[in-house]
């Protein structure tokens, strides 16, 4: 059950002396139906900006998506399960990538998508921040003994790694990488 709260100003406009409940209901409908377009626009904006990072839990995030979806339906813009599920996945954090991909492929009902996310064990060490790992690039068909030199030809690797042998002689190089 949804509960609604009214400001004193609106409550004063709805509840007038010696009016019936039906009359009060009609006044309430008039107030909200006259505001329908503005309310729909505000709800659509809120819906499009919902992201998990702005909520304390997956449960709170999912509940807000459902609440805004229900409110949009109340102003004449029904929300399909598919639209809510797509938005749910789009607003997830990186630690939900695997489950989010599966949900996108399977396109389950709203309830099933929520239960899949709610039951997923998350990596607690990554709070949604991607971590870059510094690894040297590898290239297909890379010859590790030869490098392309700046004069347009190829030459021997002039700076091999630590404790490696130069391909043309028996010298051992004990220089750290990057030093010349």
C-alpha atoms as a PDB file:
ATOM      1  CA  UNK A   1       0.000   0.000   0.000  1.00  0.00           C
ATOM      2  CA  UNK A   2       1.352   3.415  -0.951  1.00  0.00           C
ATOM      3  CA  UNK A   3       0.925   6.183   1.579  1.00  0.00           C
ATOM      4  CA  UNK A   4       0.639   9.780   0.484  1.00  0.00           C
ATOM      5  CA  UNK A   5       1.376  12.856   2.508  1.00  0.00           C
ATOM      6  CA  UNK A   6      -0.024  16.269   1.681  1.00  0.00           C
ATOM      7  CA  UNK A   7       1.256  19.675   2.616  1.00  0.00           C
ATOM      8  CA  UNK A   8      -0.995  21.815   4.787  1.00  0.00           C
ATOM      9  CA  UNK A   9      -1.680  24.022   1.757  1.00  0.00           C
ATOM     10  CA  UNK A  10      -2.992  21.133  -0.366  1.00  0.00           C
ATOM     11  CA  UNK A  11      -4.825  19.592   2.550  1.00  0.00           C
ATOM     12  CA  UNK A  12      -6.620  22.919   3.066  1.00  0.00           C
ATOM     13  CA  UNK A  13      -7.661  22.927  -0.596  1.00  0.00           C
ATOM     14  CA  UNK A  14      -8.953  19.347  -0.426  1.00  0.00           C
ATOM     15  CA  UNK A  15     -10.742  19.393   2.914  1.00  0.00           C
ATOM     16  CA  UNK A  16     -13.241  22.209   3.030  1.00  0.00           C
ATOM     17  CA  UNK A  17     -15.935  22.778   5.610  1.00  0.00           C
ATOM     18  CA  UNK A  18     -19.165  20.896   5.025  1.00  0.00           C
ATOM     19  CA  UNK A  19     -17.920  18.948   2.021  1.00  0.00           C
ATOM     20  CA  UNK A  20     -18.415  15.249   1.453  1.00  0.00           C
ATOM     21  CA  UNK A  21     -15.665  12.678   1.027  1.00  0.00           C
ATOM     22  CA  UNK A  22     -16.633  12.417  -2.635  1.00  0.00           C
ATOM     23  CA  UNK A  23     -16.222  16.164  -3.126  1.00  0.00           C
ATOM     24  CA  UNK A  24     -12.836  16.072  -1.375  1.00  0.00           C
ATOM     25  CA  UNK A  25     -11.796  13.184  -3.617  1.00  0.00           C
ATOM     26  CA  UNK A  26     -12.819  15.098  -6.739  1.00  0.00           C
ATOM     27  CA  UNK A  27     -10.817  18.146  -5.616  1.00  0.00           C
ATOM     28  CA  UNK A  28      -7.812  15.922  -4.971  1.00  0.00           C
ATOM     29  CA  UNK A  29      -8.129  14.388  -8.426  1.00  0.00           C
ATOM     30  CA  UNK A  30      -8.375  17.825 -10.030  1.00  0.00           C
ATOM     31  CA  UNK A  31      -5.226  19.014  -8.270  1.00  0.00           C
ATOM     32  CA  UNK A  32      -3.193  16.003  -9.330  1.00  0.00           C
ATOM     33  CA  UNK A  33      -4.615  15.554 -12.805  1.00  0.00           C
ATOM     34  CA  UNK A  34      -3.922  19.196 -13.610  1.00  0.00           C
ATOM     35  CA  UNK A  35      -0.338  18.551 -12.559  1.00  0.00           C
ATOM     36  CA  UNK A  36      -0.035  15.292 -14.524  1.00  0.00           C
ATOM     37  CA  UNK A  37       2.340  16.484 -17.257  1.00  0.00           C
ATOM     38  CA  UNK A  38       4.737  18.153 -14.850  1.00  0.00           C
ATOM     39  CA  UNK A  39       4.653  15.155 -12.518  1.00  0.00           C
ATOM     40  CA  UNK A  40       5.291  12.724 -15.394  1.00  0.00           C
ATOM     41  CA  UNK A  41       8.270  14.782 -16.568  1.00  0.00           C
ATOM     42  CA  UNK A  42       9.745  14.940 -13.067  1.00  0.00           C
ATOM     43  CA  UNK A  43       9.280  11.187 -12.583  1.00  0.00           C
ATOM     44  CA  UNK A  44      10.826  10.351 -15.970  1.00  0.00           C
ATOM     45  CA  UNK A  45      13.837  12.509 -15.089  1.00  0.00           C
ATOM     46  CA  UNK A  46      14.178  10.838 -11.706  1.00  0.00           C
ATOM     47  CA  UNK A  47      13.829   7.394 -13.285  1.00  0.00           C
ATOM     48  CA  UNK A  48      16.535   8.065 -15.865  1.00  0.00           C
ATOM     49  CA  UNK A  49      18.938   9.258 -13.147  1.00  0.00           C
ATOM     50  CA  UNK A  50      18.535   6.283 -10.787  1.00  0.00           C
ATOM     51  CA  UNK A  51      21.881   4.527 -10.258  1.00  0.00           C
ATOM     52  CA  UNK A  52      22.900   1.971  -7.641  1.00  0.00           C
ATOM     53  CA  UNK A  53      25.833   4.135  -6.556  1.00  0.00           C
ATOM     54  CA  UNK A  54      23.310   6.591  -5.064  1.00  0.00           C
ATOM     55  CA  UNK A  55      21.691   3.990  -2.787  1.00  0.00           C
ATOM     56  CA  UNK A  56      22.872   2.175   0.333  1.00  0.00           C
ATOM     57  CA  UNK A  57      21.896  -1.263  -1.006  1.00  0.00           C
ATOM     58  CA  UNK A  58      20.647  -3.181  -4.011  1.00  0.00           C
ATOM     59  CA  UNK A  59      17.313  -3.554  -2.211  1.00  0.00           C
ATOM     60  CA  UNK A  60      16.876   0.222  -1.824  1.00  0.00           C
ATOM     61  CA  UNK A  61      17.864   0.777  -5.470  1.00  0.00           C
ATOM     62  CA  UNK A  62      15.410  -1.817  -6.773  1.00  0.00           C
ATOM     63  CA  UNK A  63      12.626  -0.541  -4.521  1.00  0.00           C
ATOM     64  CA  UNK A  64      13.075   3.019  -5.787  1.00  0.00           C
ATOM     65  CA  UNK A  65      12.971   1.862  -9.416  1.00  0.00           C
ATOM     66  CA  UNK A  66       9.741  -0.002  -8.659  1.00  0.00           C
ATOM     67  CA  UNK A  67       8.238   2.977  -6.770  1.00  0.00           C
ATOM     68  CA  UNK A  68       9.010   5.446  -9.561  1.00  0.00           C
ATOM     69  CA  UNK A  69       7.701   2.934 -12.121  1.00  0.00           C
ATOM     70  CA  UNK A  70       4.435   2.647 -10.171  1.00  0.00           C
ATOM     71  CA  UNK A  71       4.150   6.430  -9.890  1.00  0.00           C
ATOM     72  CA  UNK A  72       4.679   6.788 -13.628  1.00  0.00           C
ATOM     73  CA  UNK A  73       1.898   4.269 -14.229  1.00  0.00           C
ATOM     74  CA  UNK A  74      -0.326   6.339 -11.918  1.00  0.00           C
ATOM     75  CA  UNK A  75       0.113   9.381 -14.183  1.00  0.00           C
ATOM     76  CA  UNK A  76      -0.613   7.400 -17.334  1.00  0.00           C
ATOM     77  CA  UNK A  77       2.864   6.206 -18.331  1.00  0.00           C
ATOM     78  CA  UNK A  78       2.943   2.472 -17.652  1.00  0.00           C
ATOM     79  CA  UNK A  79       6.332   0.864 -17.150  1.00  0.00           C
ATOM     80  CA  UNK A  80       6.915  -2.593 -18.609  1.00  0.00           C
ATOM     81  CA  UNK A  81       9.002  -5.160 -16.752  1.00  0.00           C
ATOM     82  CA  UNK A  82      11.453  -5.084 -19.650  1.00  0.00           C
ATOM     83  CA  UNK A  83      12.019  -1.339 -19.367  1.00  0.00           C
ATOM     84  CA  UNK A  84      12.504  -1.521 -15.605  1.00  0.00           C
ATOM     85  CA  UNK A  85      14.895  -4.497 -15.929  1.00  0.00           C
ATOM     86  CA  UNK A  86      16.947  -2.751 -18.622  1.00  0.00           C
ATOM     87  CA  UNK A  87      17.229   0.349 -16.462  1.00  0.00           C
ATOM     88  CA  UNK A  88      18.053  -1.751 -13.408  1.00  0.00           C
ATOM     89  CA  UNK A  89      21.004  -3.346 -15.218  1.00  0.00           C
ATOM     90  CA  UNK A  90      22.199  -0.062 -16.735  1.00  0.00           C
ATOM     91  CA  UNK A  91      22.521   1.512 -13.283  1.00  0.00           C
ATOM     92  CA  UNK A  92      24.532  -1.289 -11.677  1.00  0.00           C
ATOM     93  CA  UNK A  93      28.085  -1.078 -10.378  1.00  0.00           C
ATOM     94  CA  UNK A  94      30.994  -2.992 -11.882  1.00  0.00           C
ATOM     95  CA  UNK A  95      30.817  -5.808  -9.322  1.00  0.00           C
ATOM     96  CA  UNK A  96      27.457  -6.805 -10.804  1.00  0.00           C
ATOM     97  CA  UNK A  97      28.768  -7.090 -14.395  1.00  0.00           C
ATOM     98  CA  UNK A  98      28.451 -10.880 -14.691  1.00  0.00           C
ATOM     99  CA  UNK A  99      24.911 -11.029 -13.358  1.00  0.00           C
ATOM    100  CA  UNK A 100      23.932  -7.892 -15.269  1.00  0.00           C
ATOM    101  CA  UNK A 101      25.113  -9.446 -18.534  1.00  0.00           C
ATOM    102  CA  UNK A 102      23.138 -12.586 -17.830  1.00  0.00           C
ATOM    103  CA  UNK A 103      20.024 -10.561 -16.994  1.00  0.00           C
ATOM    104  CA  UNK A 104      20.373  -8.629 -20.269  1.00  0.00           C
ATOM    105  CA  UNK A 105      20.565 -11.879 -22.223  1.00  0.00           C
ATOM    106  CA  UNK A 106      17.786 -13.725 -20.396  1.00  0.00           C
ATOM    107  CA  UNK A 107      15.506 -10.680 -19.881  1.00  0.00           C
ATOM    108  CA  UNK A 108      13.699 -12.190 -16.875  1.00  0.00           C
ATOM    109  CA  UNK A 109      10.718 -10.661 -15.092  1.00  0.00           C
ATOM    110  CA  UNK A 110      11.321  -7.782 -12.705  1.00  0.00           C
ATOM    111  CA  UNK A 111      10.949 -10.031  -9.662  1.00  0.00           C
ATOM    112  CA  UNK A 112      13.367 -12.629 -11.032  1.00  0.00           C
ATOM    113  CA  UNK A 113      15.969  -9.984 -11.969  1.00  0.00           C
ATOM    114  CA  UNK A 114      15.763  -8.494  -8.478  1.00  0.00           C
ATOM    115  CA  UNK A 115      16.163 -11.896  -6.795  1.00  0.00           C
ATOM    116  CA  UNK A 116      19.160 -12.706  -9.025  1.00  0.00           C
ATOM    117  CA  UNK A 117      20.905  -9.509  -7.965  1.00  0.00           C
ATOM    118  CA  UNK A 118      19.864  -9.800  -4.341  1.00  0.00           C
ATOM    119  CA  UNK A 119      21.294 -13.305  -4.018  1.00  0.00           C
ATOM    120  CA  UNK A 120      24.558 -12.595  -5.883  1.00  0.00           C
ATOM    121  CA  UNK A 121      27.671 -12.787  -3.717  1.00  0.00           C
ATOM    122  CA  UNK A 122      29.593  -9.634  -4.443  1.00  0.00           C
ATOM    123  CA  UNK A 123      33.320  -9.024  -4.315  1.00  0.00           C
ATOM    124  CA  UNK A 124      33.506  -6.814  -1.245  1.00  0.00           C
ATOM    125  CA  UNK A 125      37.036  -5.695  -2.106  1.00  0.00           C
ATOM    126  CA  UNK A 126      35.880  -3.757  -5.151  1.00  0.00           C
ATOM    127  CA  UNK A 127      33.316  -1.099  -4.276  1.00  0.00           C
ATOM    128  CA  UNK A 128      32.558  -0.321  -7.902  1.00  0.00           C
ATOM    129  CA  UNK A 129      35.926   1.097  -8.853  1.00  0.00           C
ATOM    130  CA  UNK A 130      37.844  -0.436 -11.718  1.00  0.00           C
ATOM    131  CA  UNK A 131      41.476  -1.139 -10.963  1.00  0.00           C
ATOM    132  CA  UNK A 132      44.053  -0.813 -13.719  1.00  0.00           C
ATOM    133  CA  UNK A 133      46.851  -3.341 -13.754  1.00  0.00           C
ATOM    134  CA  UNK A 134      50.170  -2.198 -15.168  1.00  0.00           C
ATOM    135  CA  UNK A 135      51.264  -4.888 -17.586  1.00  0.00           C
ATOM    136  CA  UNK A 136      53.384  -4.408 -20.683  1.00  0.00           C
ATOM    137  CA  UNK A 137      51.488  -4.685 -23.955  1.00  0.00           C
ATOM    138  CA  UNK A 138      51.904  -7.779 -26.066  1.00  0.00           C
ATOM    139  CA  UNK A 139      51.619  -7.754 -29.810  1.00  0.00           C
ATOM    140  CA  UNK A 140      50.892 -10.653 -32.141  1.00  0.00           C
ATOM    141  CA  UNK A 141      53.942 -12.006 -33.975  1.00  0.00           C
ATOM    142  CA  UNK A 142      56.251 -10.008 -31.715  1.00  0.00           C
ATOM    143  CA  UNK A 143      59.878 -11.042 -32.038  1.00  0.00           C
ATOM    144  CA  UNK A 144      61.341 -10.468 -28.598  1.00  0.00           C
ATOM    145  CA  UNK A 145      64.926 -10.413 -29.869  1.00  0.00           C
ATOM    146  CA  UNK A 146      64.477  -7.705 -32.516  1.00  0.00           C
ATOM    147  CA  UNK A 147      63.005  -4.209 -32.357  1.00  0.00           C
ATOM    148  CA  UNK A 148      62.157  -1.740 -35.077  1.00  0.00           C
ATOM    149  CA  UNK A 149      64.648   1.118 -34.834  1.00  0.00           C
ATOM    150  CA  UNK A 150      64.023   4.802 -35.443  1.00  0.00           C
ATOM    151  CA  UNK A 151      65.942   4.762 -38.761  1.00  0.00           C
ATOM    152  CA  UNK A 152      63.372   2.572 -40.432  1.00  0.00           C
ATOM    153  CA  UNK A 153      65.037  -0.783 -40.082  1.00  0.00           C
ATOM    154  CA  UNK A 154      65.148  -3.483 -37.538  1.00  0.00           C
ATOM    155  CA  UNK A 155      68.039  -3.981 -35.203  1.00  0.00           C
ATOM    156  CA  UNK A 156      68.963  -5.932 -32.162  1.00  0.00           C
ATOM    157  CA  UNK A 157      67.315  -5.104 -28.896  1.00  0.00           C
ATOM    158  CA  UNK A 158      69.613  -2.539 -27.349  1.00  0.00           C
ATOM    159  CA  UNK A 159      68.153  -2.779 -23.838  1.00  0.00           C
ATOM    160  CA  UNK A 160      67.367  -6.338 -22.835  1.00  0.00           C
ATOM    161  CA  UNK A 161      65.794  -7.097 -19.489  1.00  0.00           C
ATOM    162  CA  UNK A 162      67.769  -7.748 -16.306  1.00  0.00           C
ATOM    163  CA  UNK A 163      70.158 -10.680 -16.278  1.00  0.00           C
ATOM    164  CA  UNK A 164      69.522 -11.569 -19.912  1.00  0.00           C
ATOM    165  CA  UNK A 165      72.028 -12.325 -22.632  1.00  0.00           C
ATOM    166  CA  UNK A 166      72.391 -10.176 -25.678  1.00  0.00           C
ATOM    167  CA  UNK A 167      71.568 -12.373 -28.706  1.00  0.00           C
ATOM    168  CA  UNK A 168      74.915 -11.665 -30.463  1.00  0.00           C
ATOM    169  CA  UNK A 169      77.383 -12.127 -27.611  1.00  0.00           C
ATOM    170  CA  UNK A 170      77.881 -13.663 -24.254  1.00  0.00           C
ATOM    171  CA  UNK A 171      77.605 -10.452 -22.224  1.00  0.00           C
ATOM    172  CA  UNK A 172      75.111 -10.429 -19.368  1.00  0.00           C
ATOM    173  CA  UNK A 173      73.234  -7.177 -18.778  1.00  0.00           C
ATOM    174  CA  UNK A 174      72.331  -6.310 -15.189  1.00  0.00           C
ATOM    175  CA  UNK A 175      70.545  -3.044 -15.835  1.00  0.00           C
ATOM    176  CA  UNK A 176      66.995  -2.414 -14.614  1.00  0.00           C
ATOM    177  CA  UNK A 177      64.410  -1.872 -17.361  1.00  0.00           C
ATOM    178  CA  UNK A 178      64.047   1.712 -18.528  1.00  0.00           C
ATOM    179  CA  UNK A 179      67.655   2.736 -17.746  1.00  0.00           C
ATOM    180  CA  UNK A 180      70.060   3.338 -20.615  1.00  0.00           C
END
